[in-house]
Structures are given as C-alpha cells and as structure tokens.
Amino acid sequence: MKRTAIHTICIALTASLAGVLSTAHALEEYEGYYFYIGDYPYDANPGWHEDVQGVTHDDDYWFITQSVEDDPGRQAIWKIPVGFALASAAVPGINGVRRVLMIDYPALVAQGYWHFGDPSYYRFEGQGYLIVPVEFECWGIAIFNADTLALIGSAPLCTYQTGGVPWCAVDPRNGLLYSSGYSAAVWMNEYQVNWSELHQGQALELNHMRRVYWGDLNLILSHVQGGVFSPSGELLYIVADGIHVFETETWRRIKQSTNGSGVFNYEFSPGFSEYEEPEGLTIWDLEDGRAPDVWGELHVLLLDNDVSADEIYFKHYRRSIFVDAANTGLQTGDPAHPFRTVVMAHYFAWDGARISIKAGHYPETLTLDKRVQLVARGGTAVIGE
C-alpha cells in the first residue's frame, strides 16, 4: 500500500465535508468494528436469554431469537424497542416489548420446525423483512413482515445445504442471502430471493446460486452461529468460536478476534464447566446514546450455557478511536480516555477504523499506512507544525 506523509492538514467537522469524504472514498473504505468496549447485559437473565440464538434490528427495534427444545413457550422471536434497557426483565406486552412463539405459526410447526437461528433484516421497496433460519426436521428459511411479525413464507434448504441453517445474512447491496452449516464450514451457500415477487404477495422462492469458498486456503470454521454484512456490504462478520471478519471481494479473512486479551477481544470459555457458547450478532450504530448502556456499532451475543440457569453476555465493539491533546490521564482510545496524539491513535488503529480528533492543534508528523478515516470533533483540528 502506498504510504502518504501528512505534514499539515485541517479537518472541519461539518456534514457537507463528511458527505464529500464518504463519496470520494466509497470504493476504498470499509467498516472495521474491532474495538471491544464492554458487555451489557452482563451475566444477566432478562427473559429472552435462555438458549438465545441470534439478533438483528431495524431502525427502532432489536429482533432476538430464542429456541429451547423442550419448551414451546421459549421458542420465540422477540421484538424489543431500542430505548428499552436490555438487562431489565422483558415482559411481552409491557414497555413496547413483543414476543411471538413458533406455535403461533402453524405452517412452520406442521413442517417440523421448532428452532429459530440467527436472523437478518432486509428492507425492500420500503418494507422491512425479518429473515430467520428455522431448523428440524428439515431446515430452511422463514421470512416475516418486520412490522407485524406475520409470516410471509418459508422455503426448505436441506437439499442444498448440509449441517443445518444456524444463521443467515443478506447482502445490503443486492439482496443475496448467505448461509452455511454449523460444523466444518469451508464454504457458504449463496441464494437468490425473489424479493420483487415476494413484495407483491407471491410465494417465497430461494434459488441456490453457488458455493462461496473462503479466500484463505484450508480455512475451516467450526460452531458457526451467526453472520452479518457491514452497511457497505464490503465486510462479512461471522461468529464461529469467536468473530471472523471477511472482505467480500475475495472472501479472504482479514481479522479474527482474540480470546481474553487485545483490542478485538471476544472472551469465552467453551469447555467444562462454563460451556460458554458464541451466538449471533448484528451491526447497528448506537453511538448516539439512544440505547441505554449500549454503545458502539457491532453487537455480539454470548450464552453462558452451563448446568445452572442460562445467563447472557452482550458484547459491544466500536469503530472509532478517540484523540484529545488535552487528556492528561489514562490513554486507551475510548471517549473517556482518549489518546493525546494522532500518531498514537494511528499506531493502535486497524484497516477500517475511524480516528475521531478533538478540535485543537496537533504538532505532529503523521504517516498513514492503513485505511483509516480522520474525523474532527467539535471544531477544527490542525495536524502539523
């Protein structure tokens, strides 16, 4: 990659400038949500937690799936307002919380389904659709009206896909649907959905297009539980014994979470006696504070599935690294403990990160060798002598 020395630059925080930057670099920028910032809920049992499977969202609601094999009352899709505190007890019918059960859909029950997997959300022609993997006895995809949670249609996939359908993700650029089996996944399956006909009230049809192999030779993913595309469609995040990030031009893995340390930390204990199980994930920019105690853009579930009652951990990651020359305390790059220099922030950054710089003067010589975005915060930031 070409190295560009920046000696003096000014960055003004204006909507017009942000739009120009986004347009100018649309083909070069992707979203790197790797900065772990904490868990909320943490070790909690708010009602939707037991055997939780996955999560997605629209503009105003979380959609969370839950599947308890021997309890039809907890084979559910939850719809929870973004302003609801997720660690609080979620009770259907109170505070805008909704819950529908598998038994509320006789057409699915008649096909032997009882398990909801990690869902996806897609908007087509102004209508929001909730796409949910369903499993046992065969497995397939069910699509719901995201506003009403009415079932629109379902289609089996067991002819094309081995190892179940634990997750699905829709590419926001073209509406193509992707999924894989649970174990020893060396490829994904790509499906075309008849969105236009579905929108007009016709039956759901899934057309298997191809197998998509990982771009890394001999890469095998185990315990695959969730997937989501970034808003640009340039990255695919997959949960499989941690978080794996693929760029979607070559499907090469560009990032993998660590377990217990580092910036991109997804800590879990899979064996005896914890039996912690990575689950689904979603990408939703909640840095504006409208979700109580939830920040960041990437949100990933972890289920404590030990012999006692289940508990849930919801892990959150952000894209931005913060800089403020006036900080005299701890430097970790988060809003409360920003780095003092842009150089230090760039050192800890990764491809796709955003460096958010507090207005002021930074007498530094900066060399950029990563795909990062520089954004001023609260006025003009001047970098250089």
Protein backbone atom coordinates (compact mmCIF):
# COMPACT_ATOMS: atom_id res chain seq x y z
CA MET A 1 0.00 0.00 0.00
CA LYS A 2 1.25 3.50 -0.80
CA ARG A 3 2.48 5.44 2.24
CA THR A 4 1.34 9.06 2.35
CA ALA A 5 3.05 11.61 4.61
CA ILE A 6 0.71 14.25 6.01
CA HIS A 7 2.56 17.34 7.30
CA THR A 8 -0.24 19.87 7.71
CA ILE A 9 -3.95 19.19 7.37
CA CYS A 10 -7.10 20.83 8.70
CA ILE A 11 -10.24 18.78 9.37
CA ALA A 12 -13.56 20.56 9.88
CA LEU A 13 -16.46 18.64 11.39
CA THR A 14 -19.28 19.50 9.02
CA ALA A 15 -21.99 17.40 7.44
CA SER A 16 -21.00 18.58 3.97
CA LEU A 17 -17.37 17.57 4.43
CA ALA A 18 -18.37 14.17 5.81
CA GLY A 19 -20.52 13.61 2.75
CA VAL A 20 -17.69 14.56 0.40
CA LEU A 21 -15.27 12.21 2.14
CA SER A 22 -17.73 9.33 2.12
CA THR A 23 -18.48 9.79 -1.57
CA ALA A 24 -14.87 10.26 -2.61
CA HIS A 25 -13.68 7.12 -0.85
CA ALA A 26 -16.73 4.89 -1.20
CA LEU A 27 -14.73 2.26 -3.06
CA GLU A 28 -11.78 2.35 -0.67
CA GLU A 29 -13.39 2.43 2.76
CA TYR A 30 -14.83 -0.37 4.80
CA GLU A 31 -16.09 -0.53 8.35
CA GLY A 32 -13.75 -2.04 10.92
CA TYR A 33 -15.66 -2.65 14.17
CA TYR A 34 -12.91 -4.19 16.30
CA PHE A 35 -12.58 -2.05 19.45
CA TYR A 36 -14.10 -4.04 22.32
CA ILE A 37 -15.77 -1.67 24.82
CA GLY A 38 -17.62 -3.99 27.22
CA ASP A 39 -20.69 -6.14 27.90
CA TYR A 40 -24.29 -5.09 28.52
CA PRO A 41 -26.24 -7.02 29.63
CA TYR A 42 -23.56 -8.78 31.67
CA ASP A 43 -24.26 -12.14 33.31
CA ALA A 44 -27.99 -11.41 33.08
CA ASN A 45 -31.24 -13.31 32.65
CA PRO A 46 -33.73 -10.72 31.30
CA GLY A 47 -36.27 -13.19 29.89
CA TRP A 48 -35.08 -13.57 26.30
CA HIS A 49 -31.74 -15.05 27.37
CA GLU A 50 -32.31 -18.79 27.76
CA ASP A 51 -30.95 -20.58 24.68
CA VAL A 52 -30.72 -17.24 22.88
CA GLN A 53 -29.72 -17.78 19.24
CA GLY A 54 -29.32 -14.51 17.41
CA VAL A 55 -30.05 -10.84 16.96
CA THR A 56 -30.75 -8.27 14.26
CA HIS A 57 -32.54 -4.91 14.10
CA ASP A 58 -34.47 -2.38 12.05
CA ASP A 59 -34.42 1.38 12.68
CA ASP A 60 -36.14 1.17 16.06
CA TYR A 61 -36.18 -2.39 17.38
CA TRP A 62 -33.98 -5.31 18.33
CA PHE A 63 -35.13 -8.69 17.00
CA ILE A 64 -33.83 -11.52 19.21
CA THR A 65 -34.41 -15.23 18.63
CA GLN A 66 -34.65 -17.88 21.32
CA SER A 67 -35.04 -21.67 20.99
CA VAL A 68 -35.50 -24.03 23.94
CA GLU A 69 -36.03 -27.56 22.62
CA ASP A 70 -38.42 -28.83 25.28
CA ASP A 71 -40.28 -25.58 25.98
CA PRO A 72 -42.61 -24.22 23.26
CA GLY A 73 -43.05 -21.12 25.40
CA ARG A 74 -39.41 -20.23 24.77
CA GLN A 75 -39.15 -20.91 21.06
CA ALA A 76 -39.59 -17.26 20.29
CA ILE A 77 -38.88 -14.13 18.29
CA TRP A 78 -38.64 -11.04 20.50
CA LYS A 79 -39.15 -7.50 19.22
CA ILE A 80 -37.74 -5.03 21.75
CA PRO A 81 -37.63 -1.20 21.42
CA VAL A 82 -34.15 0.29 21.16
CA GLY A 83 -34.92 2.51 24.19
CA PHE A 84 -35.60 -0.49 26.43
CA ALA A 85 -32.83 -1.39 28.88
CA LEU A 86 -31.84 -4.87 27.74
CA ALA A 87 -30.76 -6.00 31.19
CA SER A 88 -34.25 -5.34 32.55
CA ALA A 89 -36.89 -8.04 32.70
CA ALA A 90 -38.54 -8.22 29.29
CA VAL A 91 -42.26 -8.93 29.60
CA PRO A 92 -44.35 -9.30 26.44
CA GLY A 93 -46.95 -6.56 26.17
CA ILE A 94 -45.18 -4.16 28.56
CA ASN A 95 -42.96 -1.21 27.53
CA GLY A 96 -43.43 -2.00 23.85
CA VAL A 97 -41.91 -5.49 24.10
CA ARG A 98 -43.42 -8.10 21.78
CA ARG A 99 -42.89 -11.85 21.58
CA VAL A 100 -44.20 -14.41 19.11
CA LEU A 101 -43.74 -18.15 19.50
CA MET A 102 -43.12 -20.89 16.98
CA ILE A 103 -46.52 -22.35 17.91
CA ASP A 104 -48.07 -19.09 16.69
CA TYR A 105 -47.10 -20.20 13.16
CA PRO A 106 -48.95 -23.49 12.45
CA ALA A 107 -47.49 -23.61 8.94
CA LEU A 108 -43.97 -23.85 10.41
CA VAL A 109 -44.92 -26.30 13.15
CA ALA A 110 -46.53 -28.56 10.55
CA GLN A 111 -43.15 -28.80 8.80
CA GLY A 112 -41.42 -29.95 12.00
CA TYR A 113 -39.70 -26.66 12.84
CA TRP A 114 -39.05 -25.66 16.46
CA HIS A 115 -35.69 -23.87 16.29
CA PHE A 116 -35.09 -20.23 15.31
CA GLY A 117 -31.50 -19.35 14.31
CA ASP A 118 -29.56 -16.09 13.95
CA PRO A 119 -31.76 -13.74 11.87
CA SER A 120 -31.15 -10.99 9.34
CA TYR A 121 -33.05 -7.86 8.35
CA TYR A 122 -33.53 -6.52 4.84
CA ARG A 123 -35.52 -3.59 3.50
CA PHE A 124 -37.02 -3.82 0.03
CA GLU A 125 -39.26 -1.23 -1.63
CA GLY A 126 -39.95 0.43 1.72
CA GLN A 127 -40.92 -2.78 3.51
CA GLY A 128 -38.81 -4.34 6.23
CA TYR A 129 -38.37 -8.11 6.19
CA LEU A 130 -37.13 -10.34 9.00
CA ILE A 131 -35.32 -13.39 7.63
CA VAL A 132 -34.95 -16.24 10.14
CA PRO A 133 -33.32 -19.67 9.79
CA VAL A 134 -35.63 -22.47 11.00
CA GLU A 135 -34.49 -26.00 11.78
CA PHE A 136 -35.66 -29.57 12.38
CA GLU A 137 -36.73 -31.88 10.87
CA CYS A 138 -35.52 -30.41 7.61
CA TRP A 139 -34.16 -26.86 7.76
CA GLY A 140 -34.89 -23.74 5.83
CA ILE A 141 -35.62 -20.02 5.83
CA ALA A 142 -38.75 -18.25 7.05
CA ILE A 143 -39.46 -14.62 6.18
CA PHE A 144 -41.66 -12.36 8.28
CA ASN A 145 -43.10 -8.88 7.98
CA ALA A 146 -40.79 -6.98 10.35
CA ASP A 147 -43.55 -4.55 11.35
CA THR A 148 -46.23 -7.09 12.26
CA LEU A 149 -44.16 -10.32 12.61
CA ALA A 150 -46.69 -12.01 10.32
CA LEU A 151 -45.24 -14.99 8.45
CA ILE A 152 -44.85 -14.22 4.76
CA GLY A 153 -43.43 -17.55 3.62
CA SER A 154 -40.85 -20.28 4.13
CA ALA A 155 -38.67 -22.46 1.93
CA PRO A 156 -36.53 -25.55 2.71
CA LEU A 157 -32.77 -25.59 2.18
CA CYS A 158 -31.83 -29.12 3.24
CA THR A 159 -31.46 -30.14 -0.43
CA TYR A 160 -28.64 -27.62 -0.93
CA GLN A 161 -27.07 -27.22 2.50
CA THR A 162 -25.66 -29.79 4.91
CA GLY A 163 -25.29 -29.30 8.64
CA GLY A 164 -28.38 -27.19 9.21
CA VAL A 165 -29.06 -23.47 8.79
CA PRO A 166 -27.87 -21.87 12.05
CA TRP A 167 -27.55 -18.38 10.56
CA CYS A 168 -28.24 -16.24 7.54
CA ALA A 169 -27.14 -12.81 6.31
CA VAL A 170 -28.46 -10.65 3.47
CA ASP A 171 -26.04 -8.56 1.42
CA PRO A 172 -27.46 -5.00 1.55
CA ARG A 173 -26.12 -4.26 -1.94
CA ASN A 174 -28.13 -6.84 -3.85
CA GLY A 175 -30.42 -8.81 -1.52
CA LEU A 176 -28.49 -12.07 -1.94
CA LEU A 177 -28.84 -14.43 1.02
CA TYR A 178 -25.90 -16.33 2.52
CA SER A 179 -25.73 -19.19 4.99
CA SER A 180 -23.63 -22.20 5.95
CA GLY A 181 -23.82 -25.33 8.04
CA TYR A 182 -22.84 -25.41 11.70
CA SER A 183 -19.71 -27.58 11.64
CA ALA A 184 -16.58 -27.76 9.48
CA ALA A 185 -17.71 -24.97 7.15
CA VAL A 186 -15.32 -24.43 4.25
CA TRP A 187 -17.86 -22.52 2.19
CA MET A 188 -21.12 -20.60 2.34
CA ASN A 189 -24.10 -21.06 0.11
CA GLU A 190 -25.42 -18.11 -1.86
CA TYR A 191 -29.16 -17.86 -2.61
CA GLN A 192 -31.24 -15.51 -4.69
CA VAL A 193 -34.52 -14.42 -3.08
CA ASN A 194 -37.45 -13.40 -5.27
CA TRP A 195 -37.84 -10.12 -3.42
CA SER A 196 -39.90 -8.38 -6.08
CA GLU A 197 -42.46 -11.19 -6.34
CA LEU A 198 -42.49 -11.64 -2.58
CA HIS A 199 -43.21 -7.95 -2.15
CA GLN A 200 -46.21 -8.37 -4.47
CA GLY A 201 -47.66 -11.15 -2.35
CA GLN A 202 -46.32 -14.18 -4.22
CA ALA A 203 -44.74 -17.25 -2.62
CA LEU A 204 -41.16 -17.26 -1.36
CA GLU A 205 -38.61 -18.85 -3.68
CA LEU A 206 -34.92 -19.40 -2.93
CA ASN A 207 -32.65 -20.10 -5.88
CA HIS A 208 -29.31 -21.67 -5.00
CA MET A 209 -26.67 -19.73 -6.93
CA ARG A 210 -23.27 -21.12 -5.90
CA ARG A 211 -20.94 -22.18 -3.14
CA VAL A 212 -18.72 -19.37 -1.89
CA TYR A 213 -15.40 -20.71 -0.60
CA TRP A 214 -13.30 -18.78 1.87
CA GLY A 215 -10.41 -16.95 0.26
CA ASP A 216 -7.98 -18.46 2.78
CA LEU A 217 -6.60 -21.84 1.78
CA ASN A 218 -7.67 -24.67 4.11
CA LEU A 219 -9.72 -22.39 6.40
CA ILE A 220 -12.41 -24.36 8.24
CA LEU A 221 -14.91 -22.69 10.57
CA SER A 222 -16.47 -24.70 13.39
CA HIS A 223 -19.55 -24.00 15.50
CA VAL A 224 -20.83 -21.34 13.11
CA GLN A 225 -23.65 -19.45 14.81
CA GLY A 226 -24.10 -16.03 13.23
CA GLY A 227 -23.34 -13.69 10.37
CA VAL A 228 -23.92 -10.09 9.31
CA PHE A 229 -22.76 -7.81 6.49
CA SER A 230 -21.43 -4.34 7.19
CA PRO A 231 -23.63 -1.50 5.85
CA SER A 232 -21.42 -1.09 2.77
CA GLY A 233 -21.50 -4.83 2.09
CA GLU A 234 -17.70 -4.85 1.92
CA LEU A 235 -17.23 -6.91 5.09
CA LEU A 236 -18.90 -10.03 6.45
CA TYR A 237 -18.67 -10.73 10.17
CA ILE A 238 -19.16 -14.37 11.20
CA VAL A 239 -19.36 -15.86 14.69
CA ALA A 240 -17.66 -19.27 14.85
CA ASP A 241 -15.64 -19.93 18.01
CA GLY A 242 -15.02 -16.20 18.08
CA ILE A 243 -15.52 -13.46 15.50
CA HIS A 244 -14.11 -13.76 11.97
CA VAL A 245 -14.12 -10.85 9.51
CA PHE A 246 -14.03 -11.37 5.73
CA GLU A 247 -13.77 -8.81 2.96
CA THR A 248 -16.33 -9.68 0.33
CA GLU A 249 -14.32 -9.14 -2.86
CA THR A 250 -12.11 -12.20 -2.40
CA TRP A 251 -13.75 -13.61 0.79
CA ARG A 252 -10.35 -13.51 2.46
CA ARG A 253 -10.34 -13.35 6.26
CA ILE A 254 -8.82 -10.04 7.35
CA LYS A 255 -9.41 -10.13 11.10
CA GLN A 256 -10.05 -12.63 13.89
CA SER A 257 -10.97 -11.89 17.48
CA THR A 258 -8.77 -12.89 20.38
CA ASN A 259 -9.94 -14.75 23.48
CA GLY A 260 -9.12 -12.89 26.66
CA SER A 261 -6.84 -10.04 25.61
CA GLY A 262 -6.20 -7.39 22.98
CA VAL A 263 -8.33 -4.76 21.29
CA PHE A 264 -10.56 -7.19 19.36
CA ASN A 265 -11.36 -9.30 22.42
CA TYR A 266 -14.19 -11.84 22.42
CA GLU A 267 -13.59 -13.77 25.61
CA PHE A 268 -15.39 -17.07 26.19
CA SER A 269 -14.78 -20.45 27.85
CA PRO A 270 -16.30 -23.24 25.74
CA GLY A 271 -15.40 -26.28 27.84
CA PHE A 272 -16.17 -27.66 31.28
CA SER A 273 -17.52 -26.15 33.43
CA GLU A 274 -18.51 -22.86 31.79
CA TYR A 275 -19.83 -24.11 28.44
CA GLU A 276 -19.98 -20.57 27.09
CA GLU A 277 -21.35 -20.52 23.56
CA PRO A 278 -20.86 -17.75 20.96
CA GLU A 279 -24.16 -16.85 19.31
CA GLY A 280 -25.44 -14.32 16.79
CA LEU A 281 -24.51 -10.72 16.07
CA THR A 282 -25.65 -7.54 14.38
CA ILE A 283 -24.22 -4.20 13.25
CA TRP A 284 -26.14 -1.13 14.45
CA ASP A 285 -24.66 2.33 15.04
CA LEU A 286 -25.77 3.19 18.58
CA GLU A 287 -23.14 5.79 19.42
CA ASP A 288 -25.89 8.42 19.80
CA GLY A 289 -26.89 7.04 23.22
CA ARG A 290 -30.49 6.10 22.38
CA ALA A 291 -29.95 2.51 23.55
CA PRO A 292 -29.50 2.52 27.35
CA ASP A 293 -25.98 1.39 28.33
CA VAL A 294 -25.25 0.17 24.79
CA TRP A 295 -22.59 1.86 22.64
CA GLY A 296 -20.65 1.03 19.54
CA GLU A 297 -21.68 -0.48 16.22
CA LEU A 298 -21.01 -4.22 16.42
CA HIS A 299 -23.02 -6.21 18.97
CA VAL A 300 -22.32 -9.90 19.60
CA LEU A 301 -24.13 -12.38 21.88
CA LEU A 302 -22.51 -14.89 24.24
CA LEU A 303 -24.57 -17.54 26.05
CA ASP A 304 -23.43 -18.98 29.37
CA ASN A 305 -24.85 -22.43 28.77
CA ASP A 306 -23.65 -24.28 31.87
CA VAL A 307 -25.63 -26.72 34.04
CA SER A 308 -27.24 -23.90 36.01
CA ALA A 309 -29.71 -21.43 34.54
CA ASP A 310 -28.54 -19.66 31.39
CA GLU A 311 -27.09 -16.15 31.51
CA ILE A 312 -26.40 -13.75 28.67
CA TYR A 313 -23.45 -11.51 27.85
CA PHE A 314 -23.91 -8.97 25.05
CA LYS A 315 -20.53 -7.72 23.80
CA HIS A 316 -20.14 -4.39 22.03
CA TYR A 317 -17.46 -3.03 19.69
CA ARG A 318 -16.89 0.36 18.14
CA ARG A 319 -15.08 1.63 15.10
CA SER A 320 -13.78 4.93 16.45
CA ILE A 321 -10.54 5.66 18.29
CA PHE A 322 -10.61 8.98 20.13
CA VAL A 323 -7.89 11.65 20.37
CA ASP A 324 -7.73 14.71 22.64
CA ALA A 325 -4.48 16.60 23.19
CA ALA A 326 -5.82 17.92 26.50
CA ASN A 327 -6.09 14.48 28.10
CA THR A 328 -3.62 14.12 30.99
CA GLY A 329 -4.76 10.76 32.33
CA LEU A 330 -5.07 7.16 31.16
CA GLN A 331 -4.89 6.64 27.39
CA THR A 332 -6.90 3.74 25.94
CA GLY A 333 -8.52 5.41 22.92
CA ASP A 334 -12.10 5.37 24.22
CA PRO A 335 -14.10 8.61 24.70
CA ALA A 336 -13.31 8.79 28.43
CA HIS A 337 -9.59 8.06 27.97
CA PRO A 338 -8.54 9.37 24.54
CA PHE A 339 -5.03 9.21 23.16
CA ARG A 340 -3.15 12.51 23.29
CA THR A 341 -1.67 12.23 19.80
CA VAL A 342 -2.97 11.22 16.40
CA VAL A 343 0.22 9.22 15.86
CA MET A 344 -0.56 7.05 18.88
CA ALA A 345 -4.15 6.53 17.72
CA HIS A 346 -2.93 5.52 14.27
CA TYR A 347 -0.49 3.06 15.83
CA PHE A 348 -3.35 1.22 17.54
CA ALA A 349 -5.75 1.55 14.59
CA TRP A 350 -6.68 -1.10 12.05
CA ASP A 351 -7.97 -1.05 8.49
CA GLY A 352 -11.46 0.42 8.57
CA ALA A 353 -11.03 2.36 11.83
CA ARG A 354 -12.13 5.95 12.33
CA ILE A 355 -9.86 8.32 14.27
CA SER A 356 -12.03 10.95 15.97
CA ILE A 357 -9.87 14.01 16.79
CA LYS A 358 -10.93 16.69 19.29
CA ALA A 359 -10.61 20.20 17.90
CA GLY A 360 -7.18 21.70 18.53
CA HIS A 361 -3.61 21.78 17.29
CA TYR A 362 -1.56 18.59 16.98
CA PRO A 363 2.06 19.48 16.11
CA GLU A 364 2.88 16.05 14.71
CA THR A 365 4.20 14.47 11.55
CA LEU A 366 1.78 11.71 10.61
CA THR A 367 2.33 8.90 8.12
CA LEU A 368 -0.78 6.93 7.11
CA ASP A 369 -0.24 3.30 6.09
CA LYS A 370 -3.72 1.95 6.92
CA ARG A 371 -7.18 2.53 5.50
CA VAL A 372 -8.39 4.85 8.26
CA GLN A 373 -10.76 7.80 8.31
CA LEU A 374 -9.79 11.04 10.10
CA VAL A 375 -12.73 12.98 11.55
CA ALA A 376 -12.63 16.22 13.54
CA ARG A 377 -14.81 16.54 16.64
CA GLY A 378 -16.12 19.84 17.99
CA GLY A 379 -14.47 22.20 15.54
CA THR A 380 -11.27 22.34 13.50
CA ALA A 381 -8.34 20.01 14.13
CA VAL A 382 -4.95 21.06 12.74
CA ILE A 383 -2.29 18.37 12.34
CA GLY A 384 1.24 19.53 11.63
CA GLU A 385 3.80 22.13 12.65
